[in-house]
Structure formats: C-alpha cells, structure tokens
Amino acid sequence: MKDFNYYAPTEVVFGEQSEEQVAALVKKYGGTKVLVHYGGQSAQRSGLLDKICGLLKEGGIEYITLGGVVPNPRLSLAQKGIDLCRQEGIDFILAVGGGSVIDSSKCIAYGVCFEGDVWDIYLGKAEPTKMLPVASVLTIPAAGSEMSEASVITNADAPRESGGRLLPGGTKLGYSNDMSRPKFAIMNPRRTFTLPPYQTAAGVTDMMMHTMERYFTKDDDMDLTTDLAEAVLRRMKTAVFDVLKNPEDYRQRAQIMWGGSVAHNGLTGCGVHDDWATHQLEHELSGMFDVTHGAGLAAIWPSWARYVMHENLRRFVRFAVNVMDVPNDFTDPEGTALKGIEAMERFYHAIGMPINIKELIGKDITDEEIKEMTRKCSRDYTATCGCLKVLKAEDMETIYKMARG
C-alpha cells in the first residue's frame, strides 16, 4: 500500500440553479476582473455564455471574453490569452466549457505569471511558482480537469522532423501542479442534454480511463480504493447507455457529470501506484491525427491491456468479474482476464467507440508514423512510461503495432 496525501480543494456547486452563484463565487475567491474563456459556438447558441456574462455584470464584476478553444487545445490561443490578460489586468480566469477549455485556461493562468515561454513549463524546463486563479462552469463532463491538478496543451507549431522531413501533427504535452486545481466548479447536468452521442460516449470513455489508469496497479491491498474505482466504472457503464437512449435523462446525466470529477480528483487513486501509459500513448495519436481524446484511449487500451496483463493477472481477472460481469473460470485466470478485455471492446463498440487505430482514424497507420509516435512518446528514446509495466520504446512500438487494426 502506498502512503498518500489526498488534496481536493475545489468547491463543487452542483445542480440546476448552480450558475446563479457564479458572481458570488468569483468574488469569494478574489476575482475582480475576469477572462471568460470558452470554446466554439455552442456556449453562445445555448445562451449559457450570455447568462454567465450577465450574472457577472449584475454582480459588479468586470470581464472580457476569449473564445475559440478546440479539442486538443492549442498553445497559440493560450499565448493570445496570456497577452490579453496582461494587457487588460485580468486577475481571474473562468472557463465555460469542458476539459479543453479548462486546460487552456490553466495554461493561460500559468503564462500570465511566468516571465518565460509557457511552453517551457510543459516541456519540463521550468517550474511555475504562481498562477492566476482558475474556475469553471462545466458543460462537457469527461476530462475531470474541473477538479484535477492536470492540464494538457498541444503545440501545433512544434517541429516534428523525421528522416529529414517534417511530419504532420503537433506535440501534445501534459503538466500537473496542485496550484492549478480550480477554485470552484459549477455543474448543472441540464447543460449536458444537447451533447452529441459521440461526444457523450467519448467523455465517458475518458473518465472511465482516468479510473482505470489508477485501478490497474500492482497494489492489491487498498481494498476501499479498489471498491470505489469499481463502483465508478460500473455506474458509468450503466449511465452512458441510459443517456444515449434518452439524452435528457437528468438523473443519469448527473451521474456522469459527477463521475467525471470523481474519476480524476484523485479519490480512485488513494494508496495505489497509478500507471498512465495508455494516456501517454494516446497523446501521440491526438498530436499526430487530432482525434478525440476519449476515442483515442479506446483505440489503445485493449492492446495495452493484452500486453501487460500478466504483470498483475489477478487484477485483470477482478476487473473482468466485478466490472465487466464475466463469469470467473477459476481454472483459467488468463482466459477470464482475456474475456474481460474482450467485454470492454464490446462495450466500446456498443457506445460507438473504436477499438483500434484503423477504426479511429479511418485508414491504415504506417510504420513510419508508428516509429514517430514511439520516438515522441519515449522523448527521443530517453524516457519510459507506465508503472504496472514500465514501457520502454520497444514496448511502446509493439503496443502501437498491436493496436493498428
């Protein structure tokens, strides 16, 4: 069992009228002039952006807006936001959207208070000592960024040279620091009713993977954490089918919205060593092909699972039985574990997710592209990833090849 500190300082305001508290919450956490950061047109079409801005104005809080965040949020927009915040004297950033908007907001918040290039923070070349406070009005449950210490940003302009020529795609990197945990998260499940089925399914896949990255560990002695993780996974499986059938099912939308936060606020990782190899492998898919993150995780995980399952076969058997409802064949634990992986693949297909890279990107991936992803994931063959099984570059390449489809 791993010793741990559990830290989850974000104030969660959950319910149908939760947005009404936004101005009071901003004031509570010291905001006087706010950057309202958002994504595409949905926040405007739904009327949520106007409502939030109107509530801030009624509360006597100055604000400016910056939209344009896309999935796999871009460093270039964050840099624009940094300049804007400095020019306008912004002291608080409010993200209105999902994980991409929150991650972009965190990047801006770092950059405003950092004298150098904010990209150096994500490269691991610099460590920030302060940042602007960030908070969120969540509209897309998935990434869990509304309560987590993590953010991920994509530098679409980063050079990616291989064999003397540039390859398409950007560099996607994550950075974690407890001071980036949002001050508050406003969550109204009704705001998720209009999410498209694919986005709903990809979001649930992402939040389940946040728990699975912690669940698949060599630690078998923190039983309560494992029980909590299994409960989250089972509940998300049930809820996603219900909302795909009835998008306006408030009860199940609420389970999903809260599940995304619980899956990534650290609770399901207390006392265990987490892995994160699937996420790191997927980041290279997102960087190269600009795919939906949750779908990319679904395309990678089955191959990772088959490659590493013997590192803790008992854990994969438990997953098969307790999460995927596979009968336990006590005479064949490997067979039970494999049936659990196959059941997960059927679940992914049932909710419209891919189970390999070909299904994800719609074409065959080349050996050259696999080698480039391997090079980047291994930081030019100098780094490993994973904890259940520590993956070297050759392991990463093997998993990509297994996942090609």
Protein backbone atom coordinates (compact mmCIF):
# COMPACT_ATOMS: atom_id res chain seq x y z
CA MET A 1 0.00 0.00 0.00
CA LYS A 2 1.31 3.40 -0.98
CA ASP A 3 1.33 6.26 1.54
CA PHE A 4 -0.67 9.19 0.19
CA ASN A 5 -1.85 12.75 0.67
CA TYR A 6 -5.34 13.44 -0.63
CA TYR A 7 -5.89 17.04 -1.73
CA ALA A 8 -9.09 18.17 -3.46
CA PRO A 9 -9.69 21.85 -2.64
CA THR A 10 -12.16 22.66 -5.43
CA GLU A 11 -15.57 23.86 -4.25
CA VAL A 12 -18.23 22.00 -6.22
CA VAL A 13 -21.57 23.73 -6.76
CA PHE A 14 -23.89 21.13 -8.31
CA GLY A 15 -27.47 21.44 -9.51
CA GLU A 16 -29.96 23.03 -11.85
CA GLN A 17 -29.58 26.57 -10.48
CA SER A 18 -25.84 26.39 -9.84
CA GLU A 19 -24.88 29.05 -12.42
CA GLU A 20 -26.74 31.68 -10.42
CA GLN A 21 -23.91 31.67 -7.86
CA VAL A 22 -21.12 32.49 -10.33
CA ALA A 23 -20.59 36.15 -9.38
CA ALA A 24 -20.60 35.45 -5.65
CA LEU A 25 -18.12 32.62 -6.15
CA VAL A 26 -15.75 34.74 -8.23
CA LYS A 27 -15.79 37.40 -5.51
CA LYS A 28 -15.28 34.77 -2.82
CA TYR A 29 -12.05 33.69 -4.47
CA GLY A 30 -10.72 37.18 -5.09
CA GLY A 31 -11.70 37.88 -8.70
CA THR A 32 -12.34 41.47 -9.74
CA LYS A 33 -11.70 41.35 -13.49
CA VAL A 34 -12.34 38.09 -15.27
CA LEU A 35 -11.34 36.46 -18.53
CA VAL A 36 -14.31 34.34 -19.61
CA HIS A 37 -12.72 31.63 -21.75
CA TYR A 38 -14.84 29.35 -23.93
CA GLY A 39 -14.78 27.11 -26.98
CA GLY A 40 -16.85 27.16 -30.14
CA GLN A 41 -20.37 28.35 -30.82
CA SER A 42 -22.33 26.01 -28.52
CA ALA A 43 -21.82 28.18 -25.43
CA GLN A 44 -23.24 31.11 -27.40
CA ARG A 45 -26.09 29.21 -29.09
CA SER A 46 -27.24 27.70 -25.81
CA GLY A 47 -27.38 31.10 -24.15
CA LEU A 48 -25.04 29.97 -21.36
CA LEU A 49 -22.27 32.41 -22.26
CA ASP A 50 -24.66 35.37 -22.25
CA LYS A 51 -26.13 34.22 -18.95
CA ILE A 52 -22.74 33.91 -17.26
CA CYS A 53 -21.60 37.28 -18.56
CA GLY A 54 -24.89 38.85 -17.50
CA LEU A 55 -24.56 37.43 -13.99
CA LEU A 56 -21.01 38.75 -13.71
CA LYS A 57 -22.17 42.19 -14.83
CA GLU A 58 -25.04 42.16 -12.34
CA GLY A 59 -22.55 41.24 -9.64
CA GLY A 60 -20.36 44.23 -10.47
CA ILE A 61 -17.51 42.14 -11.90
CA GLU A 62 -15.68 43.35 -15.00
CA TYR A 63 -14.96 40.77 -17.67
CA ILE A 64 -13.66 40.21 -21.18
CA THR A 65 -14.17 37.13 -23.32
CA LEU A 66 -11.92 34.90 -25.40
CA GLY A 67 -13.40 32.04 -27.43
CA GLY A 68 -12.04 29.63 -29.99
CA VAL A 69 -10.80 26.70 -27.89
CA VAL A 70 -10.83 23.45 -29.87
CA PRO A 71 -10.40 19.82 -28.79
CA ASN A 72 -6.72 19.20 -28.07
CA PRO A 73 -6.43 22.90 -27.12
CA ARG A 74 -3.78 24.90 -28.90
CA LEU A 75 -0.82 26.68 -27.38
CA SER A 76 -1.26 29.51 -29.89
CA LEU A 77 -4.66 30.50 -28.46
CA ALA A 78 -3.34 30.23 -24.90
CA GLN A 79 -0.50 32.59 -25.81
CA LYS A 80 -3.05 35.02 -27.20
CA GLY A 81 -4.93 34.75 -23.92
CA ILE A 82 -1.76 35.41 -21.92
CA ASP A 83 -1.13 38.63 -23.84
CA LEU A 84 -4.77 39.68 -23.48
CA CYS A 85 -4.81 39.09 -19.73
CA ARG A 86 -1.65 41.11 -19.24
CA GLN A 87 -2.98 43.98 -21.32
CA GLU A 88 -6.34 44.05 -19.55
CA GLY A 89 -5.16 43.47 -15.98
CA ILE A 90 -7.09 40.22 -15.60
CA ASP A 91 -6.88 38.62 -12.15
CA PHE A 92 -9.21 35.60 -12.54
CA ILE A 93 -9.96 33.12 -15.34
CA LEU A 94 -13.38 31.49 -15.71
CA ALA A 95 -13.59 28.55 -18.10
CA VAL A 96 -17.03 27.97 -19.63
CA GLY A 97 -16.87 24.60 -21.33
CA GLY A 98 -15.24 21.20 -20.99
CA GLY A 99 -11.77 19.89 -20.33
CA SER A 100 -10.16 21.56 -23.33
CA VAL A 101 -11.38 24.99 -22.23
CA ILE A 102 -10.29 24.38 -18.63
CA ASP A 103 -6.87 23.13 -19.75
CA SER A 104 -6.41 26.16 -21.99
CA SER A 105 -7.42 28.37 -19.06
CA LYS A 106 -4.82 26.73 -16.82
CA CYS A 107 -2.14 27.28 -19.45
CA ILE A 108 -3.08 30.96 -19.68
CA ALA A 109 -3.10 31.24 -15.89
CA TYR A 110 0.43 29.86 -15.71
CA GLY A 111 1.67 32.05 -18.52
CA VAL A 112 0.37 35.37 -17.17
CA CYS A 113 2.52 34.96 -14.06
CA PHE A 114 5.54 33.41 -15.79
CA GLU A 115 8.27 35.55 -17.32
CA GLY A 116 9.44 32.98 -19.85
CA ASP A 117 7.74 30.91 -22.55
CA VAL A 118 4.81 28.99 -21.02
CA TRP A 119 5.62 26.04 -23.31
CA ASP A 120 8.79 25.50 -21.25
CA ILE A 121 6.57 24.56 -18.31
CA TYR A 122 5.00 21.75 -20.31
CA LEU A 123 8.41 20.71 -21.64
CA GLY A 124 9.62 20.33 -18.06
CA LYS A 125 12.25 23.03 -18.48
CA ALA A 126 10.68 25.41 -15.95
CA GLU A 127 8.58 25.20 -12.80
CA PRO A 128 5.96 27.91 -12.14
CA THR A 129 5.72 29.37 -8.65
CA LYS A 130 2.39 31.16 -9.05
CA MET A 131 -0.58 31.47 -11.39
CA LEU A 132 -3.88 33.27 -11.72
CA PRO A 133 -6.84 31.54 -10.05
CA VAL A 134 -8.97 29.42 -12.38
CA ALA A 135 -12.57 28.23 -12.03
CA SER A 136 -15.05 26.54 -14.33
CA VAL A 137 -18.65 26.34 -15.45
CA LEU A 138 -18.60 22.78 -16.72
CA THR A 139 -20.54 21.86 -19.87
CA ILE A 140 -18.79 18.68 -21.04
CA PRO A 141 -18.08 16.02 -18.40
CA ALA A 142 -15.06 13.98 -19.45
CA ALA A 143 -11.57 15.19 -18.64
CA GLY A 144 -12.09 15.87 -14.94
CA SER A 145 -9.95 18.99 -15.27
CA GLU A 146 -12.53 20.89 -13.20
CA MET A 147 -11.13 19.24 -10.05
CA SER A 148 -7.74 17.91 -11.10
CA GLU A 149 -4.20 19.27 -10.96
CA ALA A 150 -3.54 18.39 -14.61
CA SER A 151 -3.68 20.22 -17.92
CA VAL A 152 -2.76 19.20 -21.45
CA ILE A 153 -1.87 21.53 -24.32
CA THR A 154 -0.98 20.97 -27.97
CA ASN A 155 1.75 22.93 -29.74
CA ALA A 156 0.68 22.60 -33.36
CA ASP A 157 3.77 24.51 -34.49
CA ALA A 158 6.35 22.33 -32.74
CA PRO A 159 8.83 20.93 -35.29
CA ARG A 160 8.45 17.21 -35.88
CA GLU A 161 11.31 16.20 -38.11
CA SER A 162 11.94 12.58 -39.10
CA GLY A 163 14.25 11.35 -41.81
CA GLY A 164 14.99 14.88 -42.93
CA ARG A 165 11.36 15.91 -43.43
CA LEU A 166 8.53 17.28 -41.33
CA LEU A 167 5.63 15.02 -40.44
CA PRO A 168 2.06 16.27 -39.89
CA GLY A 169 0.61 16.87 -36.44
CA GLY A 170 1.69 18.65 -33.31
CA THR A 171 3.24 17.95 -29.94
CA LYS A 172 0.80 17.32 -27.09
CA LEU A 173 2.11 17.55 -23.54
CA GLY A 174 0.63 17.45 -20.06
CA TYR A 175 1.67 19.18 -16.87
CA SER A 176 0.41 18.71 -13.31
CA ASN A 177 0.63 21.07 -10.37
CA ASP A 178 -1.72 21.23 -7.37
CA MET A 179 -1.95 25.01 -7.54
CA SER A 180 -3.86 24.65 -10.83
CA ARG A 181 -6.81 22.90 -9.18
CA PRO A 182 -9.80 25.16 -9.92
CA LYS A 183 -11.18 27.27 -7.09
CA PHE A 184 -14.72 26.22 -7.87
CA ALA A 185 -16.62 24.11 -10.38
CA ILE A 186 -20.21 24.91 -11.29
CA MET A 187 -22.00 21.79 -12.56
CA ASN A 188 -25.52 21.81 -13.98
CA PRO A 189 -26.34 18.43 -15.58
CA ARG A 190 -29.08 20.07 -17.64
CA ARG A 191 -26.35 21.86 -19.61
CA THR A 192 -25.22 18.48 -20.98
CA PHE A 193 -28.55 17.46 -22.52
CA THR A 194 -27.53 18.63 -26.00
CA LEU A 195 -24.16 16.87 -26.13
CA PRO A 196 -23.93 14.72 -29.29
CA PRO A 197 -23.88 10.94 -28.70
CA TYR A 198 -20.27 10.59 -29.86
CA GLN A 199 -19.08 13.32 -27.51
CA THR A 200 -21.04 11.79 -24.64
CA ALA A 201 -19.53 8.36 -25.28
CA ALA A 202 -16.00 9.69 -25.70
CA GLY A 203 -16.36 11.65 -22.47
CA VAL A 204 -17.44 8.58 -20.51
CA THR A 205 -14.57 6.62 -22.04
CA ASP A 206 -12.13 9.30 -20.87
CA MET A 207 -13.45 9.40 -17.31
CA MET A 208 -13.50 5.61 -17.05
CA MET A 209 -9.90 5.54 -18.25
CA HIS A 210 -8.92 8.05 -15.59
CA THR A 211 -10.07 5.48 -13.06
CA MET A 212 -8.61 2.52 -14.95
CA GLU A 213 -5.18 4.17 -15.09
CA ARG A 214 -5.26 4.01 -11.28
CA TYR A 215 -7.08 0.68 -11.00
CA PHE A 216 -4.57 -1.38 -12.98
CA THR A 217 -1.74 -1.39 -10.49
CA LYS A 218 0.47 -3.85 -8.66
CA ASP A 219 -1.06 -2.70 -5.37
CA ASP A 220 -3.75 -5.16 -4.23
CA ASP A 221 -4.06 -4.11 -0.60
CA MET A 222 -6.02 -0.82 -0.67
CA ASP A 223 -9.39 -2.52 -0.90
CA LEU A 224 -11.61 0.51 -0.30
CA THR A 225 -9.98 2.48 -3.12
CA THR A 226 -10.44 -0.51 -5.43
CA ASP A 227 -14.09 -0.83 -4.38
CA LEU A 228 -14.66 2.86 -5.11
CA ALA A 229 -13.00 2.55 -8.51
CA GLU A 230 -15.14 -0.41 -9.47
CA ALA A 231 -18.28 1.43 -8.38
CA VAL A 232 -17.39 4.40 -10.59
CA LEU A 233 -16.71 2.14 -13.58
CA ARG A 234 -19.94 0.17 -13.19
CA ARG A 235 -22.03 3.30 -12.73
CA MET A 236 -20.56 4.99 -15.81
CA LYS A 237 -21.26 1.87 -17.90
CA THR A 238 -24.92 1.94 -16.89
CA ALA A 239 -25.38 5.68 -17.16
CA VAL A 240 -23.93 6.06 -20.64
CA PHE A 241 -26.40 3.60 -22.17
CA ASP A 242 -29.29 5.39 -20.49
CA VAL A 243 -28.32 8.85 -21.75
CA LEU A 244 -27.60 7.58 -25.25
CA LYS A 245 -31.20 6.32 -25.29
CA ASN A 246 -32.60 9.41 -23.58
CA PRO A 247 -30.29 12.44 -23.78
CA GLU A 248 -32.49 14.42 -21.36
CA ASP A 249 -32.30 11.89 -18.54
CA TYR A 250 -31.31 14.31 -15.77
CA ARG A 251 -30.61 11.59 -13.22
CA GLN A 252 -28.12 9.75 -15.40
CA ARG A 253 -26.58 12.93 -16.81
CA ALA A 254 -25.94 13.88 -13.18
CA GLN A 255 -24.21 10.55 -12.52
CA ILE A 256 -21.92 11.15 -15.50
CA MET A 257 -21.16 14.75 -14.60
CA TRP A 258 -20.21 13.87 -11.03
CA GLY A 259 -18.45 10.70 -12.22
CA GLY A 260 -16.06 12.70 -14.39
CA SER A 261 -14.92 14.69 -11.36
CA VAL A 262 -14.65 11.72 -9.00
CA ALA A 263 -12.68 9.79 -11.62
CA HIS A 264 -9.94 12.44 -11.78
CA ASN A 265 -9.85 14.25 -8.45
CA GLY A 266 -7.50 11.62 -7.01
CA LEU A 267 -10.03 9.68 -4.94
CA THR A 268 -9.81 6.48 -7.01
CA GLY A 269 -6.02 6.51 -6.75
CA CYS A 270 -5.52 6.84 -2.99
CA GLY A 271 -2.99 4.32 -1.74
CA VAL A 272 -2.01 2.87 -5.11
CA HIS A 273 0.65 3.50 -7.74
CA ASP A 274 -1.08 4.68 -10.90
CA ASP A 275 0.00 3.92 -14.45
CA TRP A 276 -0.99 6.47 -17.18
CA ALA A 277 0.72 4.60 -20.02
CA THR A 278 -2.48 4.47 -22.09
CA HIS A 279 -2.86 8.24 -21.78
CA GLN A 280 0.73 8.89 -22.79
CA LEU A 281 0.49 6.56 -25.76
CA GLU A 282 -2.77 8.21 -26.80
CA HIS A 283 -1.35 11.73 -26.58
CA GLU A 284 0.82 10.91 -29.58
CA LEU A 285 -2.25 9.78 -31.54
CA SER A 286 -4.00 13.05 -30.69
CA GLY A 287 -0.91 15.05 -31.52
CA MET A 288 -0.45 13.39 -34.91
CA PHE A 289 -4.05 12.91 -36.06
CA ASP A 290 -6.01 15.44 -33.93
CA VAL A 291 -8.51 12.80 -32.85
CA THR A 292 -10.97 12.91 -29.97
CA HIS A 293 -9.05 12.01 -26.82
CA GLY A 294 -11.58 9.56 -25.39
CA ALA A 295 -11.86 7.70 -28.68
CA GLY A 296 -8.07 7.50 -28.89
CA LEU A 297 -7.94 5.94 -25.43
CA ALA A 298 -10.45 3.29 -26.51
CA ALA A 299 -8.30 2.52 -29.56
CA ILE A 300 -5.16 1.97 -27.45
CA TRP A 301 -6.33 0.38 -24.21
CA PRO A 302 -7.21 -3.17 -25.40
CA SER A 303 -3.74 -3.66 -26.89
CA TRP A 304 -2.04 -2.20 -23.82
CA ALA A 305 -4.12 -4.49 -21.61
CA ARG A 306 -3.21 -7.64 -23.52
CA TYR A 307 0.45 -6.64 -23.49
CA VAL A 308 0.72 -6.01 -19.73
CA MET A 309 -1.96 -8.19 -18.11
CA HIS A 310 0.48 -10.79 -16.78
CA GLU A 311 2.10 -8.11 -14.60
CA ASN A 312 -0.94 -8.48 -12.31
CA LEU A 313 -3.23 -11.11 -13.76
CA ARG A 314 -5.33 -11.20 -10.61
CA ARG A 315 -6.24 -7.52 -11.10
CA PHE A 316 -7.39 -8.16 -14.68
CA VAL A 317 -9.47 -11.12 -13.51
CA ARG A 318 -11.07 -8.92 -10.86
CA PHE A 319 -11.85 -6.28 -13.49
CA ALA A 320 -13.41 -8.91 -15.75
CA VAL A 321 -15.62 -10.28 -12.99
CA ASN A 322 -16.51 -7.20 -10.92
CA VAL A 323 -16.72 -4.58 -13.69
CA MET A 324 -17.46 -6.42 -16.92
CA ASP A 325 -19.67 -9.20 -15.44
CA VAL A 326 -17.58 -12.04 -16.87
CA PRO A 327 -18.07 -15.41 -15.08
CA ASN A 328 -14.91 -16.34 -13.20
CA ASP A 329 -13.34 -19.53 -14.55
CA PHE A 330 -11.15 -20.38 -11.58
CA THR A 331 -9.32 -23.00 -13.65
CA ASP A 332 -8.27 -20.46 -16.29
CA PRO A 333 -7.44 -16.98 -14.89
CA GLU A 334 -5.78 -15.91 -18.15
CA GLY A 335 -8.89 -16.84 -20.08
CA THR A 336 -11.08 -14.88 -17.66
CA ALA A 337 -8.81 -11.85 -17.97
CA LEU A 338 -8.90 -12.00 -21.78
CA LYS A 339 -12.69 -12.29 -21.73
CA GLY A 340 -12.76 -9.12 -19.61
CA ILE A 341 -10.73 -7.26 -22.23
CA GLU A 342 -12.99 -8.60 -24.99
CA ALA A 343 -16.05 -7.48 -23.00
CA MET A 344 -14.56 -4.00 -22.76
CA GLU A 345 -14.09 -3.98 -26.53
CA ARG A 346 -17.75 -4.92 -26.99
CA PHE A 347 -18.71 -2.10 -24.62
CA TYR A 348 -16.65 0.38 -26.64
CA HIS A 349 -18.31 -0.73 -29.88
CA ALA A 350 -21.76 -0.60 -28.27
CA ILE A 351 -21.31 3.09 -27.41
CA GLY A 352 -19.71 3.96 -30.76
CA MET A 353 -16.05 3.96 -29.78
CA PRO A 354 -13.19 2.37 -31.80
CA ILE A 355 -11.03 -0.48 -30.53
CA ASN A 356 -8.01 0.06 -32.76
CA ILE A 357 -6.22 2.83 -34.62
CA LYS A 358 -7.64 1.95 -38.04
CA GLU A 359 -11.17 2.34 -36.72
CA LEU A 360 -10.13 5.58 -35.05
CA ILE A 361 -8.54 7.38 -38.00
CA GLY A 362 -10.28 5.58 -40.85
CA LYS A 363 -7.14 4.33 -42.55
CA ASP A 364 -4.07 2.18 -42.01
CA ILE A 365 -1.33 3.74 -39.92
CA THR A 366 2.13 3.46 -41.46
CA ASP A 367 5.26 2.02 -39.89
CA GLU A 368 6.85 5.45 -40.19
CA GLU A 369 4.01 7.06 -38.25
CA ILE A 370 4.29 4.40 -35.54
CA LYS A 371 8.02 4.99 -35.25
CA GLU A 372 7.44 8.73 -34.98
CA MET A 373 4.86 8.29 -32.23
CA THR A 374 7.23 5.95 -30.43
CA ARG A 375 10.07 8.45 -30.71
CA LYS A 376 7.93 11.22 -29.26
CA CYS A 377 6.36 9.11 -26.51
CA SER A 378 9.81 7.99 -25.41
CA ARG A 379 11.22 11.53 -25.63
CA ASP A 380 13.73 10.53 -28.30
CA TYR A 381 14.26 7.10 -26.71
CA THR A 382 15.28 8.55 -23.34
CA ALA A 383 12.10 8.05 -21.27
CA THR A 384 9.77 5.28 -20.20
CA CYS A 385 6.08 5.37 -19.32
CA GLY A 386 3.77 3.29 -17.19
CA CYS A 387 4.01 1.72 -13.78
CA LEU A 388 2.20 -1.64 -13.88
CA LYS A 389 4.73 -2.49 -16.59
CA VAL A 390 7.38 0.10 -17.28
CA LEU A 391 7.30 0.57 -21.05
CA LYS A 392 10.49 1.22 -22.96
CA ALA A 393 10.48 2.48 -26.53
CA GLU A 394 10.37 -1.04 -27.96
CA ASP A 395 7.33 -1.82 -25.79
CA MET A 396 5.57 1.33 -26.96
CA GLU A 397 6.20 0.42 -30.59
CA THR A 398 4.87 -3.09 -30.04
CA ILE A 399 1.64 -1.78 -28.48
CA TYR A 400 1.12 0.70 -31.33
CA LYS A 401 1.57 -2.15 -33.81
CA MET A 402 -0.84 -4.37 -31.88
CA ALA A 403 -3.37 -1.52 -31.93
CA ARG A 404 -3.10 -0.71 -35.61
CA GLY A 405 -6.10 -2.91 -36.55
